[in-house]
Amino acid sequence: MVTSLILMNIERKEINNVAEQLAATEGISEVYSVSGKYDLVAIARVKTSDDLASLVTQKLSHIDAITKTETMLAFKAYSKHDLDSMFNIGM
């Protein structure tokens, strides 16, 4: 499983709309509105790096209100939650 954090700047009036679109997008497991330099942070969990590339360069690029993205690849998860059991259904 490939996990990444996608930080996004969004046109101000479209933040809620884009968040809802992202939450409904296959490969995006969570979307957060945040304070600071970015407007939204999406957590992507996909099977392969090719799937991540497709998600970022094809699916997200069709959402016009996204003005900038920065994608960070997660190397290792440190959590009190068992993330593998939460996201391993059917994979």
N, C-alpha and C. Protein backbone atom coordinates (compact mmCIF):
# COMPACT_ATOMS: atom_id res chain seq x y z
N MET A 1 0.85 -1.18 0.00
CA MET A 1 0.00 0.00 0.00
C MET A 1 0.89 1.24 0.00
N VAL A 2 0.54 2.20 -0.82
CA VAL A 2 1.23 3.49 -0.90
C VAL A 2 0.35 4.53 -0.24
N THR A 3 0.90 5.24 0.74
CA THR A 3 0.17 6.29 1.42
C THR A 3 0.85 7.61 1.15
N SER A 4 0.05 8.63 0.85
CA SER A 4 0.62 9.96 0.63
C SER A 4 -0.30 11.01 1.21
N LEU A 5 0.29 12.16 1.50
CA LEU A 5 -0.45 13.33 1.94
C LEU A 5 -0.39 14.33 0.80
N ILE A 6 -1.55 14.82 0.40
CA ILE A 6 -1.62 15.77 -0.71
C ILE A 6 -2.12 17.09 -0.14
N LEU A 7 -1.23 18.08 -0.14
CA LEU A 7 -1.55 19.40 0.38
C LEU A 7 -2.01 20.26 -0.79
N MET A 8 -3.12 20.98 -0.60
CA MET A 8 -3.71 21.71 -1.72
C MET A 8 -4.13 23.12 -1.38
N ASN A 9 -3.93 24.00 -2.34
CA ASN A 9 -4.52 25.34 -2.31
C ASN A 9 -5.73 25.30 -3.24
N ILE A 10 -6.82 25.89 -2.75
CA ILE A 10 -8.09 25.83 -3.46
C ILE A 10 -8.64 27.24 -3.59
N GLU A 11 -9.35 27.52 -4.69
CA GLU A 11 -10.07 28.80 -4.80
C GLU A 11 -11.01 28.91 -3.60
N ARG A 12 -10.96 30.03 -2.89
CA ARG A 12 -11.65 30.19 -1.60
C ARG A 12 -13.12 29.78 -1.60
N LYS A 13 -13.87 30.17 -2.58
CA LYS A 13 -15.30 29.87 -2.61
C LYS A 13 -15.59 28.40 -2.92
N GLU A 14 -14.58 27.65 -3.30
CA GLU A 14 -14.77 26.26 -3.73
C GLU A 14 -14.24 25.23 -2.74
N ILE A 15 -13.76 25.66 -1.58
CA ILE A 15 -13.11 24.72 -0.64
C ILE A 15 -14.05 23.58 -0.25
N ASN A 16 -15.26 23.89 0.17
CA ASN A 16 -16.19 22.83 0.59
C ASN A 16 -16.56 21.90 -0.56
N ASN A 17 -16.81 22.48 -1.72
CA ASN A 17 -17.15 21.69 -2.89
C ASN A 17 -16.01 20.75 -3.27
N VAL A 18 -14.80 21.26 -3.30
CA VAL A 18 -13.64 20.43 -3.65
C VAL A 18 -13.43 19.34 -2.60
N ALA A 19 -13.58 19.68 -1.33
CA ALA A 19 -13.42 18.68 -0.27
C ALA A 19 -14.40 17.52 -0.47
N GLU A 20 -15.62 17.82 -0.83
CA GLU A 20 -16.62 16.78 -1.06
C GLU A 20 -16.27 15.94 -2.29
N GLN A 21 -15.79 16.60 -3.35
CA GLN A 21 -15.37 15.86 -4.54
C GLN A 21 -14.22 14.93 -4.22
N LEU A 22 -13.26 15.43 -3.46
CA LEU A 22 -12.10 14.61 -3.10
C LEU A 22 -12.51 13.42 -2.24
N ALA A 23 -13.37 13.66 -1.27
CA ALA A 23 -13.80 12.58 -0.37
C ALA A 23 -14.50 11.46 -1.14
N ALA A 24 -15.12 11.79 -2.26
CA ALA A 24 -15.81 10.80 -3.09
C ALA A 24 -14.89 10.14 -4.12
N THR A 25 -13.64 10.56 -4.16
CA THR A 25 -12.70 10.06 -5.17
C THR A 25 -12.03 8.77 -4.69
N GLU A 26 -12.05 7.76 -5.55
CA GLU A 26 -11.39 6.49 -5.22
C GLU A 26 -9.90 6.74 -4.98
N GLY A 27 -9.40 6.21 -3.89
CA GLY A 27 -8.00 6.38 -3.53
C GLY A 27 -7.78 7.42 -2.45
N ILE A 28 -8.75 8.30 -2.27
CA ILE A 28 -8.67 9.30 -1.20
C ILE A 28 -9.43 8.74 0.00
N SER A 29 -8.74 8.58 1.13
CA SER A 29 -9.41 8.00 2.30
C SER A 29 -9.92 9.06 3.26
N GLU A 30 -9.28 10.23 3.29
CA GLU A 30 -9.67 11.29 4.20
C GLU A 30 -9.34 12.64 3.58
N VAL A 31 -10.12 13.65 3.94
CA VAL A 31 -9.86 15.02 3.51
C VAL A 31 -10.05 15.92 4.73
N TYR A 32 -9.10 16.81 4.96
CA TYR A 32 -9.16 17.73 6.09
C TYR A 32 -9.06 19.17 5.60
N SER A 33 -9.89 20.04 6.10
CA SER A 33 -9.67 21.47 5.91
C SER A 33 -8.72 21.87 7.03
N VAL A 34 -7.74 22.68 6.71
CA VAL A 34 -6.68 22.99 7.66
C VAL A 34 -6.38 24.49 7.67
N SER A 35 -5.71 24.91 8.73
CA SER A 35 -5.24 26.30 8.80
C SER A 35 -3.82 26.34 8.26
N GLY A 36 -3.36 27.55 7.96
CA GLY A 36 -1.98 27.70 7.52
C GLY A 36 -1.85 27.92 6.03
N LYS A 37 -0.76 27.44 5.50
CA LYS A 37 -0.35 27.69 4.12
C LYS A 37 -1.26 27.00 3.09
N TYR A 38 -1.91 25.91 3.48
CA TYR A 38 -2.75 25.15 2.56
C TYR A 38 -4.20 25.20 3.03
N ASP A 39 -5.11 24.88 2.13
CA ASP A 39 -6.55 24.88 2.43
C ASP A 39 -7.07 23.50 2.78
N LEU A 40 -6.61 22.49 2.04
CA LEU A 40 -7.05 21.12 2.26
C LEU A 40 -5.85 20.18 2.27
N VAL A 41 -5.98 19.12 3.05
CA VAL A 41 -5.01 18.03 3.03
C VAL A 41 -5.80 16.75 2.82
N ALA A 42 -5.41 15.99 1.79
CA ALA A 42 -6.05 14.71 1.51
C ALA A 42 -5.06 13.59 1.80
N ILE A 43 -5.57 12.52 2.38
CA ILE A 43 -4.77 11.33 2.61
C ILE A 43 -5.15 10.34 1.51
N ALA A 44 -4.16 9.95 0.73
CA ALA A 44 -4.39 9.00 -0.35
C ALA A 44 -3.78 7.65 0.05
N ARG A 45 -4.54 6.60 -0.15
CA ARG A 45 -4.06 5.24 0.10
C ARG A 45 -4.41 4.42 -1.14
N VAL A 46 -3.38 4.02 -1.86
CA VAL A 46 -3.57 3.29 -3.11
C VAL A 46 -2.63 2.08 -3.12
N LYS A 47 -2.87 1.18 -4.06
CA LYS A 47 -2.08 -0.06 -4.11
C LYS A 47 -0.64 0.17 -4.58
N THR A 48 -0.47 1.00 -5.62
CA THR A 48 0.87 1.14 -6.22
C THR A 48 1.21 2.61 -6.47
N SER A 49 2.47 2.85 -6.73
CA SER A 49 2.89 4.22 -7.06
C SER A 49 2.28 4.67 -8.39
N ASP A 50 2.04 3.73 -9.30
CA ASP A 50 1.37 4.08 -10.56
C ASP A 50 -0.06 4.56 -10.29
N ASP A 51 -0.72 3.92 -9.32
CA ASP A 51 -2.07 4.37 -8.94
C ASP A 51 -2.03 5.78 -8.36
N LEU A 52 -1.00 6.07 -7.57
CA LEU A 52 -0.85 7.42 -7.01
C LEU A 52 -0.61 8.43 -8.12
N ALA A 53 0.24 8.08 -9.06
CA ALA A 53 0.52 8.98 -10.18
C ALA A 53 -0.76 9.28 -10.96
N SER A 54 -1.56 8.26 -11.19
CA SER A 54 -2.83 8.44 -11.91
C SER A 54 -3.78 9.33 -11.12
N LEU A 55 -3.85 9.10 -9.81
CA LEU A 55 -4.73 9.90 -8.96
C LEU A 55 -4.36 11.38 -9.02
N VAL A 56 -3.08 11.67 -8.88
CA VAL A 56 -2.63 13.07 -8.81
C VAL A 56 -2.64 13.74 -10.17
N THR A 57 -2.14 13.05 -11.19
CA THR A 57 -1.99 13.71 -12.49
C THR A 57 -3.22 13.65 -13.38
N GLN A 58 -4.14 12.73 -13.09
CA GLN A 58 -5.34 12.63 -13.91
C GLN A 58 -6.60 13.05 -13.15
N LYS A 59 -6.90 12.37 -12.06
CA LYS A 59 -8.16 12.67 -11.35
C LYS A 59 -8.15 14.05 -10.72
N LEU A 60 -7.08 14.39 -9.99
CA LEU A 60 -7.05 15.69 -9.31
C LEU A 60 -6.88 16.84 -10.29
N SER A 61 -6.21 16.61 -11.40
CA SER A 61 -5.99 17.69 -12.36
C SER A 61 -7.29 18.13 -13.05
N HIS A 62 -8.34 17.32 -12.96
CA HIS A 62 -9.63 17.69 -13.56
C HIS A 62 -10.49 18.55 -12.64
N ILE A 63 -10.02 18.80 -11.43
CA ILE A 63 -10.76 19.67 -10.51
C ILE A 63 -10.16 21.07 -10.65
N ASP A 64 -10.82 21.92 -11.41
CA ASP A 64 -10.27 23.23 -11.78
C ASP A 64 -9.98 24.14 -10.60
N ALA A 65 -10.73 24.01 -9.51
CA ALA A 65 -10.57 24.92 -8.37
C ALA A 65 -9.30 24.64 -7.56
N ILE A 66 -8.64 23.51 -7.83
CA ILE A 66 -7.36 23.24 -7.18
C ILE A 66 -6.31 24.06 -7.90
N THR A 67 -5.67 24.98 -7.18
CA THR A 67 -4.70 25.86 -7.82
C THR A 67 -3.25 25.41 -7.62
N LYS A 68 -3.00 24.61 -6.58
CA LYS A 68 -1.65 24.13 -6.32
C LYS A 68 -1.72 22.88 -5.46
N THR A 69 -0.81 21.93 -5.72
CA THR A 69 -0.70 20.74 -4.87
C THR A 69 0.75 20.49 -4.50
N GLU A 70 0.92 19.85 -3.39
CA GLU A 70 2.23 19.34 -2.98
C GLU A 70 1.98 17.96 -2.42
N THR A 71 2.59 16.94 -3.01
CA THR A 71 2.35 15.57 -2.61
C THR A 71 3.55 15.04 -1.85
N MET A 72 3.28 14.52 -0.66
CA MET A 72 4.33 13.95 0.17
C MET A 72 4.07 12.46 0.32
N LEU A 73 5.08 11.64 0.05
CA LEU A 73 4.98 10.20 0.16
C LEU A 73 5.32 9.78 1.58
N ALA A 74 4.47 8.97 2.18
CA ALA A 74 4.71 8.48 3.54
C ALA A 74 5.61 7.25 3.47
N PHE A 75 6.67 7.25 4.28
CA PHE A 75 7.58 6.10 4.32
C PHE A 75 7.10 5.06 5.33
N LYS A 76 6.70 5.53 6.50
CA LYS A 76 6.31 4.62 7.58
C LYS A 76 5.26 5.29 8.44
N ALA A 77 4.29 4.50 8.91
CA ALA A 77 3.23 5.04 9.76
C ALA A 77 3.51 4.72 11.22
N TYR A 78 3.32 5.71 12.06
CA TYR A 78 3.41 5.54 13.51
C TYR A 78 2.05 5.93 14.06
N SER A 79 1.32 4.97 14.59
CA SER A 79 -0.05 5.25 15.00
C SER A 79 -0.48 4.31 16.11
N LYS A 80 -1.40 4.77 16.94
CA LYS A 80 -2.03 3.91 17.93
C LYS A 80 -3.08 3.02 17.28
N HIS A 81 -3.51 3.38 16.09
CA HIS A 81 -4.53 2.64 15.37
C HIS A 81 -3.89 1.61 14.47
N ASP A 82 -4.55 0.51 14.27
CA ASP A 82 -4.05 -0.51 13.36
C ASP A 82 -4.50 -0.15 11.94
N LEU A 83 -3.71 0.69 11.27
CA LEU A 83 -4.10 1.18 9.95
C LEU A 83 -4.20 0.07 8.92
N ASP A 84 -3.34 -0.95 9.02
CA ASP A 84 -3.41 -2.02 8.05
C ASP A 84 -4.76 -2.72 8.07
N SER A 85 -5.28 -2.99 9.27
CA SER A 85 -6.58 -3.68 9.33
C SER A 85 -7.70 -2.77 8.89
N MET A 86 -7.57 -1.44 9.08
CA MET A 86 -8.61 -0.51 8.68
C MET A 86 -8.72 -0.39 7.17
N PHE A 87 -7.59 -0.48 6.47
CA PHE A 87 -7.57 -0.20 5.03
C PHE A 87 -7.17 -1.39 4.19
N ASN A 88 -7.16 -2.58 4.74
CA ASN A 88 -6.71 -3.76 4.03
C ASN A 88 -7.87 -4.60 3.52
N ILE A 89 -9.08 -4.12 3.60
CA ILE A 89 -10.24 -4.89 3.17
C ILE A 89 -10.20 -5.06 1.66
N GLY A 90 -10.14 -6.31 1.22
CA GLY A 90 -10.20 -6.61 -0.20
C GLY A 90 -8.93 -6.33 -0.98
N MET A 91 -7.83 -6.07 -0.29
CA MET A 91 -6.59 -5.78 -1.03
C MET A 91 -5.61 -6.92 -0.88
